[in-house]
N, C-alpha and C. Protein backbone atom coordinates (compact mmCIF):
# COMPACT_ATOMS: atom_id res chain seq x y z
N MET A 1 -11.45 -15.87 51.67
CA MET A 1 -12.19 -17.11 51.62
C MET A 1 -13.58 -16.85 52.16
N LYS A 2 -14.57 -17.37 51.45
CA LYS A 2 -15.95 -17.23 51.89
C LYS A 2 -16.42 -18.54 52.48
N THR A 3 -17.28 -18.46 53.48
CA THR A 3 -17.87 -19.66 54.07
C THR A 3 -19.34 -19.67 53.75
N ASN A 4 -19.81 -20.79 53.24
CA ASN A 4 -21.22 -20.96 52.94
C ASN A 4 -21.93 -21.37 54.23
N ALA A 5 -22.79 -20.51 54.77
CA ALA A 5 -23.44 -20.77 56.05
C ALA A 5 -24.38 -21.97 55.97
N LYS A 6 -24.92 -22.24 54.80
CA LYS A 6 -25.88 -23.33 54.63
C LYS A 6 -25.29 -24.68 55.03
N ASN A 7 -24.10 -24.99 54.54
CA ASN A 7 -23.49 -26.27 54.88
C ASN A 7 -22.15 -26.10 55.58
N ASN A 8 -21.78 -24.86 55.89
CA ASN A 8 -20.58 -24.52 56.65
C ASN A 8 -19.30 -25.08 56.02
N LYS A 9 -19.27 -25.21 54.70
CA LYS A 9 -18.06 -25.65 54.02
C LYS A 9 -17.34 -24.43 53.48
N LYS A 10 -16.01 -24.49 53.46
CA LYS A 10 -15.22 -23.39 52.93
C LYS A 10 -15.30 -23.42 51.41
N LYS A 11 -15.48 -22.26 50.81
CA LYS A 11 -15.52 -22.15 49.36
C LYS A 11 -14.47 -21.13 48.95
N TRP A 12 -13.48 -21.60 48.23
CA TRP A 12 -12.43 -20.71 47.76
C TRP A 12 -12.96 -19.91 46.59
N THR A 13 -12.61 -18.65 46.56
CA THR A 13 -13.02 -17.80 45.46
C THR A 13 -11.80 -17.05 44.94
N PRO A 14 -11.81 -16.76 43.65
CA PRO A 14 -10.66 -16.05 43.09
C PRO A 14 -10.60 -14.61 43.58
N GLU A 15 -9.38 -14.12 43.68
CA GLU A 15 -9.19 -12.71 44.01
C GLU A 15 -9.50 -11.90 42.76
N LYS A 16 -9.78 -10.63 42.93
CA LYS A 16 -10.10 -9.75 41.79
C LYS A 16 -9.03 -9.85 40.72
N SER A 17 -7.78 -9.88 41.12
CA SER A 17 -6.67 -9.90 40.17
C SER A 17 -6.60 -11.22 39.39
N GLU A 18 -7.21 -12.28 39.91
CA GLU A 18 -7.18 -13.58 39.25
C GLU A 18 -8.35 -13.77 38.27
N GLU A 19 -9.42 -13.00 38.46
CA GLU A 19 -10.63 -13.21 37.68
C GLU A 19 -10.43 -13.04 36.18
N ALA A 20 -9.70 -12.03 35.76
CA ALA A 20 -9.48 -11.80 34.33
C ALA A 20 -8.69 -12.95 33.71
N MET A 21 -7.69 -13.43 34.42
CA MET A 21 -6.90 -14.55 33.91
C MET A 21 -7.76 -15.80 33.80
N ILE A 22 -8.59 -16.05 34.79
CA ILE A 22 -9.49 -17.21 34.75
C ILE A 22 -10.43 -17.11 33.56
N GLN A 23 -11.01 -15.93 33.33
CA GLN A 23 -11.92 -15.76 32.20
C GLN A 23 -11.20 -15.97 30.87
N GLY A 24 -9.96 -15.51 30.76
CA GLY A 24 -9.19 -15.72 29.54
C GLY A 24 -8.92 -17.20 29.30
N ILE A 25 -8.61 -17.93 30.35
CA ILE A 25 -8.37 -19.38 30.23
C ILE A 25 -9.65 -20.08 29.80
N ILE A 26 -10.77 -19.70 30.40
CA ILE A 26 -12.06 -20.31 30.06
C ILE A 26 -12.40 -20.06 28.59
N GLU A 27 -12.22 -18.82 28.13
CA GLU A 27 -12.54 -18.47 26.75
C GLU A 27 -11.71 -19.27 25.76
N GLY A 28 -10.49 -19.59 26.12
CA GLY A 28 -9.61 -20.34 25.23
C GLY A 28 -9.70 -21.85 25.40
N SER A 29 -10.60 -22.31 26.25
CA SER A 29 -10.70 -23.74 26.56
C SER A 29 -12.16 -24.19 26.51
N PRO A 30 -12.66 -24.51 25.32
CA PRO A 30 -14.08 -24.85 25.19
C PRO A 30 -14.52 -26.08 25.97
N ASP A 31 -13.62 -26.99 26.30
CA ASP A 31 -13.96 -28.19 27.05
C ASP A 31 -13.90 -28.00 28.56
N ALA A 32 -13.51 -26.82 29.02
CA ALA A 32 -13.31 -26.57 30.45
C ALA A 32 -14.62 -26.57 31.22
N ILE A 33 -14.57 -27.16 32.42
CA ILE A 33 -15.68 -27.03 33.36
C ILE A 33 -15.21 -26.31 34.62
N GLY A 34 -13.91 -26.02 34.67
CA GLY A 34 -13.34 -25.31 35.80
C GLY A 34 -11.90 -24.93 35.53
N VAL A 35 -11.35 -24.11 36.42
CA VAL A 35 -9.95 -23.69 36.32
C VAL A 35 -9.28 -23.95 37.67
N ALA A 36 -8.23 -24.76 37.65
CA ALA A 36 -7.45 -25.02 38.86
C ALA A 36 -6.56 -23.80 39.10
N VAL A 37 -6.57 -23.33 40.34
CA VAL A 37 -5.77 -22.16 40.73
C VAL A 37 -4.85 -22.58 41.86
N ILE A 38 -3.56 -22.34 41.67
CA ILE A 38 -2.57 -22.65 42.70
C ILE A 38 -1.81 -21.37 43.01
N ARG A 39 -1.87 -20.96 44.27
CA ARG A 39 -1.17 -19.75 44.72
C ARG A 39 0.12 -20.17 45.40
N LEU A 40 1.21 -19.51 45.03
CA LEU A 40 2.51 -19.81 45.60
C LEU A 40 2.92 -18.73 46.60
N ASN A 41 3.82 -19.08 47.52
CA ASN A 41 4.21 -18.16 48.59
C ASN A 41 4.98 -16.94 48.10
N CYS A 42 5.39 -16.93 46.84
CA CYS A 42 6.10 -15.79 46.28
C CYS A 42 5.15 -14.78 45.64
N GLY A 43 3.88 -15.15 45.53
CA GLY A 43 2.90 -14.27 44.89
C GLY A 43 2.57 -14.67 43.46
N CYS A 44 3.31 -15.60 42.90
CA CYS A 44 3.01 -16.09 41.56
C CYS A 44 1.82 -17.05 41.63
N ARG A 45 1.18 -17.26 40.48
CA ARG A 45 0.03 -18.15 40.37
C ARG A 45 0.26 -19.13 39.22
N LYS A 46 -0.29 -20.34 39.41
CA LYS A 46 -0.35 -21.32 38.34
C LYS A 46 -1.82 -21.63 38.13
N MET A 47 -2.26 -21.63 36.86
CA MET A 47 -3.65 -21.93 36.56
C MET A 47 -3.73 -22.79 35.32
N ALA A 48 -4.76 -23.64 35.27
CA ALA A 48 -5.03 -24.44 34.07
C ALA A 48 -6.48 -24.86 34.09
N ALA A 49 -7.08 -24.91 32.90
CA ALA A 49 -8.46 -25.39 32.78
C ALA A 49 -8.47 -26.90 32.92
N VAL A 50 -9.59 -27.42 33.45
CA VAL A 50 -9.78 -28.86 33.56
C VAL A 50 -11.10 -29.23 32.89
N ASP A 51 -11.15 -30.45 32.32
CA ASP A 51 -12.36 -30.90 31.65
C ASP A 51 -13.20 -31.79 32.56
N LYS A 52 -14.28 -32.33 32.05
CA LYS A 52 -15.24 -33.11 32.83
C LYS A 52 -14.66 -34.38 33.42
N ASP A 53 -13.50 -34.83 32.89
CA ASP A 53 -12.86 -36.04 33.39
C ASP A 53 -11.66 -35.72 34.30
N GLY A 54 -11.44 -34.43 34.57
CA GLY A 54 -10.31 -34.03 35.40
C GLY A 54 -8.99 -34.00 34.64
N GLU A 55 -9.09 -33.96 33.32
CA GLU A 55 -7.90 -33.88 32.48
C GLU A 55 -7.63 -32.42 32.11
N PRO A 56 -6.39 -32.08 31.76
CA PRO A 56 -6.09 -30.71 31.37
C PRO A 56 -6.89 -30.30 30.13
N ALA A 57 -7.44 -29.09 30.16
CA ALA A 57 -8.16 -28.54 29.02
C ALA A 57 -7.46 -27.29 28.50
N SER A 58 -6.27 -27.02 29.05
CA SER A 58 -5.45 -25.90 28.60
C SER A 58 -4.02 -26.15 29.06
N LYS A 59 -3.12 -25.31 28.60
CA LYS A 59 -1.76 -25.34 29.12
C LYS A 59 -1.76 -24.71 30.51
N VAL A 60 -0.73 -25.01 31.28
CA VAL A 60 -0.58 -24.36 32.59
C VAL A 60 -0.06 -22.95 32.34
N ILE A 61 -0.74 -21.98 32.93
CA ILE A 61 -0.37 -20.57 32.81
C ILE A 61 0.25 -20.15 34.13
N MET A 62 1.42 -19.51 34.08
CA MET A 62 2.03 -18.95 35.28
C MET A 62 2.10 -17.44 35.11
N TYR A 63 1.74 -16.73 36.16
CA TYR A 63 1.82 -15.28 36.11
C TYR A 63 1.98 -14.71 37.52
N ARG A 64 2.30 -13.44 37.56
CA ARG A 64 2.45 -12.72 38.83
C ARG A 64 1.72 -11.38 38.66
N ASP A 65 0.86 -11.05 39.61
CA ASP A 65 0.09 -9.81 39.55
C ASP A 65 1.01 -8.60 39.46
N ARG A 66 0.60 -7.67 38.63
CA ARG A 66 1.30 -6.39 38.46
C ARG A 66 2.79 -6.55 38.15
N ALA A 67 3.14 -7.62 37.43
CA ALA A 67 4.54 -7.83 37.06
C ALA A 67 4.60 -8.29 35.60
N GLU A 68 5.70 -7.99 34.96
CA GLU A 68 5.86 -8.38 33.56
C GLU A 68 6.21 -9.85 33.43
N ALA A 69 6.75 -10.44 34.48
CA ALA A 69 7.17 -11.84 34.42
C ALA A 69 7.04 -12.48 35.79
N ILE A 70 7.11 -13.79 35.81
CA ILE A 70 7.10 -14.51 37.09
C ILE A 70 8.41 -14.24 37.81
N CYS A 71 8.46 -14.55 39.09
CA CYS A 71 9.65 -14.25 39.89
C CYS A 71 10.83 -15.16 39.52
N ASP A 72 12.02 -14.75 39.93
CA ASP A 72 13.24 -15.52 39.62
C ASP A 72 13.18 -16.93 40.21
N ARG A 73 12.61 -17.05 41.39
CA ARG A 73 12.53 -18.37 42.03
C ARG A 73 11.66 -19.31 41.19
N CYS A 74 10.52 -18.82 40.69
CA CYS A 74 9.65 -19.64 39.83
C CYS A 74 10.34 -19.97 38.50
N LYS A 75 11.15 -19.04 38.02
CA LYS A 75 11.90 -19.31 36.79
C LYS A 75 12.88 -20.47 37.02
N GLU A 76 13.42 -20.56 38.23
CA GLU A 76 14.37 -21.63 38.55
C GLU A 76 13.69 -22.97 38.79
N ASP A 77 12.56 -22.96 39.56
CA ASP A 77 11.95 -24.24 39.93
C ASP A 77 10.57 -24.49 39.32
N ASN A 78 10.19 -23.66 38.34
CA ASN A 78 8.92 -23.79 37.64
C ASN A 78 7.71 -23.74 38.60
N GLY A 79 7.82 -22.95 39.63
CA GLY A 79 6.72 -22.81 40.59
C GLY A 79 6.47 -24.07 41.38
N SER A 80 7.48 -24.53 42.07
CA SER A 80 7.41 -25.77 42.83
C SER A 80 6.20 -25.82 43.75
N TYR A 81 5.53 -26.98 43.76
CA TYR A 81 4.36 -27.15 44.61
C TYR A 81 4.71 -27.15 46.10
N VAL A 82 5.98 -27.29 46.42
CA VAL A 82 6.42 -27.20 47.81
C VAL A 82 6.12 -25.81 48.38
N ARG A 83 6.08 -24.82 47.50
CA ARG A 83 5.85 -23.43 47.92
C ARG A 83 4.39 -23.01 47.80
N MET A 84 3.51 -23.95 47.57
CA MET A 84 2.09 -23.66 47.43
C MET A 84 1.49 -23.22 48.77
N THR A 85 0.64 -22.19 48.70
CA THR A 85 -0.03 -21.73 49.92
C THR A 85 -1.53 -22.05 49.87
N GLU A 86 -2.12 -22.02 48.70
CA GLU A 86 -3.54 -22.31 48.54
C GLU A 86 -3.78 -22.92 47.17
N GLN A 87 -4.83 -23.77 47.09
CA GLN A 87 -5.21 -24.33 45.81
C GLN A 87 -6.71 -24.61 45.81
N PHE A 88 -7.33 -24.41 44.68
CA PHE A 88 -8.77 -24.67 44.55
C PHE A 88 -9.13 -24.73 43.08
N ILE A 89 -10.36 -25.15 42.81
CA ILE A 89 -10.87 -25.13 41.44
C ILE A 89 -12.01 -24.13 41.39
N HIS A 90 -11.92 -23.21 40.46
CA HIS A 90 -12.99 -22.26 40.20
C HIS A 90 -13.90 -22.93 39.17
N TRP A 91 -15.12 -23.28 39.58
CA TRP A 91 -16.05 -24.00 38.70
C TRP A 91 -16.83 -23.04 37.82
N ILE A 92 -17.07 -23.48 36.59
CA ILE A 92 -17.86 -22.70 35.64
C ILE A 92 -19.33 -23.10 35.82
N PRO A 93 -20.23 -22.13 36.00
CA PRO A 93 -21.65 -22.47 36.13
C PRO A 93 -22.20 -23.04 34.81
N PRO A 94 -23.10 -23.99 34.86
CA PRO A 94 -23.56 -24.68 36.05
C PRO A 94 -22.49 -25.66 36.54
N GLU A 95 -22.25 -25.66 37.83
CA GLU A 95 -21.22 -26.52 38.40
C GLU A 95 -21.63 -27.99 38.29
N PRO A 96 -20.63 -28.88 38.17
CA PRO A 96 -20.96 -30.30 38.14
C PRO A 96 -21.50 -30.76 39.50
N GLU A 97 -22.11 -31.93 39.51
CA GLU A 97 -22.64 -32.47 40.77
C GLU A 97 -21.50 -32.71 41.75
N ALA A 98 -21.85 -32.81 43.03
CA ALA A 98 -20.86 -32.92 44.11
C ALA A 98 -19.90 -34.08 43.92
N ALA A 99 -20.39 -35.25 43.52
CA ALA A 99 -19.52 -36.42 43.36
C ALA A 99 -18.50 -36.19 42.24
N LYS A 100 -18.91 -35.54 41.17
CA LYS A 100 -18.01 -35.25 40.05
C LYS A 100 -16.97 -34.21 40.48
N LYS A 101 -17.39 -33.19 41.21
CA LYS A 101 -16.46 -32.18 41.72
C LYS A 101 -15.41 -32.82 42.62
N LYS A 102 -15.87 -33.73 43.48
CA LYS A 102 -14.97 -34.42 44.41
C LYS A 102 -13.92 -35.22 43.63
N MET A 103 -14.37 -35.98 42.63
CA MET A 103 -13.45 -36.79 41.82
C MET A 103 -12.43 -35.91 41.10
N ILE A 104 -12.89 -34.83 40.50
CA ILE A 104 -11.99 -33.94 39.76
C ILE A 104 -11.00 -33.26 40.71
N THR A 105 -11.49 -32.78 41.84
CA THR A 105 -10.62 -32.11 42.81
C THR A 105 -9.52 -33.05 43.30
N GLU A 106 -9.90 -34.28 43.63
CA GLU A 106 -8.91 -35.26 44.09
C GLU A 106 -7.89 -35.58 43.00
N LYS A 107 -8.36 -35.71 41.76
CA LYS A 107 -7.48 -36.05 40.65
C LYS A 107 -6.54 -34.89 40.29
N VAL A 108 -7.09 -33.69 40.22
CA VAL A 108 -6.31 -32.52 39.76
C VAL A 108 -5.42 -31.96 40.86
N LEU A 109 -5.97 -31.79 42.05
CA LEU A 109 -5.22 -31.16 43.13
C LEU A 109 -4.61 -32.14 44.11
N GLY A 110 -5.06 -33.39 44.06
CA GLY A 110 -4.51 -34.39 44.97
C GLY A 110 -4.95 -34.22 46.40
N ILE A 111 -6.11 -33.58 46.60
CA ILE A 111 -6.60 -33.40 47.96
C ILE A 111 -7.94 -34.09 48.12
N LYS A 112 -8.13 -34.70 49.27
CA LYS A 112 -9.40 -35.35 49.59
C LYS A 112 -10.40 -34.30 50.03
N THR A 113 -11.63 -34.44 49.56
CA THR A 113 -12.68 -33.55 49.98
C THR A 113 -13.75 -34.36 50.69
N HIS A 114 -14.58 -33.70 51.44
CA HIS A 114 -15.62 -34.40 52.21
C HIS A 114 -16.87 -34.56 51.40
């Protein structure tokens, strides 16, 4: 996690292993302005593109780094959000204004932002 010293807010960034998947989702989603990334405690990831209104702009993609398939637990519970460890939206430049980002983040991830 990187911290922006200018306003001291935490900014989540994708891991190297997530970047290719994010780019693939963006390429296949012309209406996307960002990609929601949800990391689970088993190491699997859930990702989906979001549009300017906070609506899905792609299907939800589940994957696990360096594995042919998602883990057995995710196969059973479809990657339950109870097991989520981190979540954020990777914004596509140019990023939307702060108020729009806040609205989309709250709608997509269900978390309040400042």
